[in-house]
Amino acid sequence: MDMERIHSILNNKEKCDVFYDDRPVWIQGVNENMAKVGFIDNFEEKDVFIQDLYERNLYN
């Protein structure tokens, strides 16, 4: 994922399925090339590289 897509997701009210390491996350904020994410399946938070975040292609 790139910074342009991250900003698009953060500024959009539509639901986007974002994943890190096969786990769904929500993006809490960004700082340069890092994103603070919260995991949907528990209360864990983590700082990850933006390029390690991805969206699943629902059309495959």
C-alpha atoms as a PDB file:
ATOM      1  CA  MET A   1       0.000   0.000   0.000  1.00  0.00           C
ATOM      2  CA  ASP A   2       1.220   3.532  -0.597  1.00  0.00           C
ATOM      3  CA  MET A   3       0.735   6.865   1.181  1.00  0.00           C
ATOM      4  CA  GLU A   4      -1.789   8.100  -1.399  1.00  0.00           C
ATOM      5  CA  ARG A   5      -4.057   5.100  -0.767  1.00  0.00           C
ATOM      6  CA  ILE A   6      -3.696   5.479   3.018  1.00  0.00           C
ATOM      7  CA  HIS A   7      -4.866   9.094   2.826  1.00  0.00           C
ATOM      8  CA  SER A   8      -7.720   8.070   0.536  1.00  0.00           C
ATOM      9  CA  ILE A   9      -8.873   5.486   3.086  1.00  0.00           C
ATOM     10  CA  LEU A  10      -8.554   7.893   6.026  1.00  0.00           C
ATOM     11  CA  ASN A  11     -10.485  10.656   4.231  1.00  0.00           C
ATOM     12  CA  ASN A  12     -13.216   8.355   2.929  1.00  0.00           C
ATOM     13  CA  LYS A  13     -16.272   7.275   4.903  1.00  0.00           C
ATOM     14  CA  GLU A  14     -16.596   3.989   2.997  1.00  0.00           C
ATOM     15  CA  LYS A  15     -15.541   0.784   4.710  1.00  0.00           C
ATOM     16  CA  CYS A  16     -12.214  -0.565   3.451  1.00  0.00           C
ATOM     17  CA  ASP A  17     -10.833  -3.948   4.452  1.00  0.00           C
ATOM     18  CA  VAL A  18      -7.189  -3.370   5.339  1.00  0.00           C
ATOM     19  CA  PHE A  19      -4.931  -6.191   6.495  1.00  0.00           C
ATOM     20  CA  TYR A  20      -1.543  -6.685   8.085  1.00  0.00           C
ATOM     21  CA  ASP A  21      -0.051 -10.173   8.320  1.00  0.00           C
ATOM     22  CA  ASP A  22      -3.409 -11.787   7.361  1.00  0.00           C
ATOM     23  CA  ARG A  23      -5.186  -9.954  10.193  1.00  0.00           C
ATOM     24  CA  PRO A  24      -7.776  -7.192   9.705  1.00  0.00           C
ATOM     25  CA  VAL A  25      -6.720  -3.808  11.065  1.00  0.00           C
ATOM     26  CA  TRP A  26      -7.953  -0.260  11.295  1.00  0.00           C
ATOM     27  CA  ILE A  27      -5.563   2.598  10.682  1.00  0.00           C
ATOM     28  CA  GLN A  28      -5.295   4.937  13.657  1.00  0.00           C
ATOM     29  CA  GLY A  29      -2.763   7.335  12.158  1.00  0.00           C
ATOM     30  CA  VAL A  30       0.277   7.733   9.939  1.00  0.00           C
ATOM     31  CA  ASN A  31       3.699   9.274  10.403  1.00  0.00           C
ATOM     32  CA  GLU A  32       5.993   9.352   7.357  1.00  0.00           C
ATOM     33  CA  ASN A  33       6.341   5.673   6.289  1.00  0.00           C
ATOM     34  CA  MET A  34       4.821   4.157   9.446  1.00  0.00           C
ATOM     35  CA  ALA A  35       1.192   3.574  10.367  1.00  0.00           C
ATOM     36  CA  LYS A  36      -0.259   2.929  13.804  1.00  0.00           C
ATOM     37  CA  VAL A  37      -2.849   0.185  13.440  1.00  0.00           C
ATOM     38  CA  GLY A  38      -5.288  -1.495  15.780  1.00  0.00           C
ATOM     39  CA  PHE A  39      -6.219  -5.116  15.227  1.00  0.00           C
ATOM     40  CA  ILE A  40      -9.930  -5.812  14.787  1.00  0.00           C
ATOM     41  CA  ASP A  41      -9.788  -9.182  16.576  1.00  0.00           C
ATOM     42  CA  ASN A  42      -8.331  -7.836  19.869  1.00  0.00           C
ATOM     43  CA  PHE A  43      -7.079  -4.661  21.553  1.00  0.00           C
ATOM     44  CA  GLU A  44      -3.498  -4.952  20.265  1.00  0.00           C
ATOM     45  CA  GLU A  45      -1.914  -1.906  18.610  1.00  0.00           C
ATOM     46  CA  LYS A  46       1.236  -1.876  16.524  1.00  0.00           C
ATOM     47  CA  ASP A  47       3.399   0.479  14.450  1.00  0.00           C
ATOM     48  CA  VAL A  48       3.932  -1.052  11.004  1.00  0.00           C
ATOM     49  CA  PHE A  49       5.430   0.010   7.695  1.00  0.00           C
ATOM     50  CA  ILE A  50       2.806   1.364   5.302  1.00  0.00           C
ATOM     51  CA  GLN A  51       4.039  -0.894   2.493  1.00  0.00           C
ATOM     52  CA  ASP A  52       3.203  -3.940   4.669  1.00  0.00           C
ATOM     53  CA  LEU A  53      -0.506  -3.043   4.729  1.00  0.00           C
ATOM     54  CA  TYR A  54      -2.730  -4.374   1.984  1.00  0.00           C
ATOM     55  CA  GLU A  55      -6.305  -4.718   0.812  1.00  0.00           C
ATOM     56  CA  ARG A  56      -7.746  -8.010  -0.325  1.00  0.00           C
ATOM     57  CA  ASN A  57      -9.015  -8.120  -3.881  1.00  0.00           C
ATOM     58  CA  LEU A  58     -12.646  -9.179  -3.496  1.00  0.00           C
ATOM     59  CA  TYR A  59     -13.037  -9.897  -7.185  1.00  0.00           C
ATOM     60  CA  ASN A  60     -10.630 -12.862  -7.443  1.00  0.00           C
END
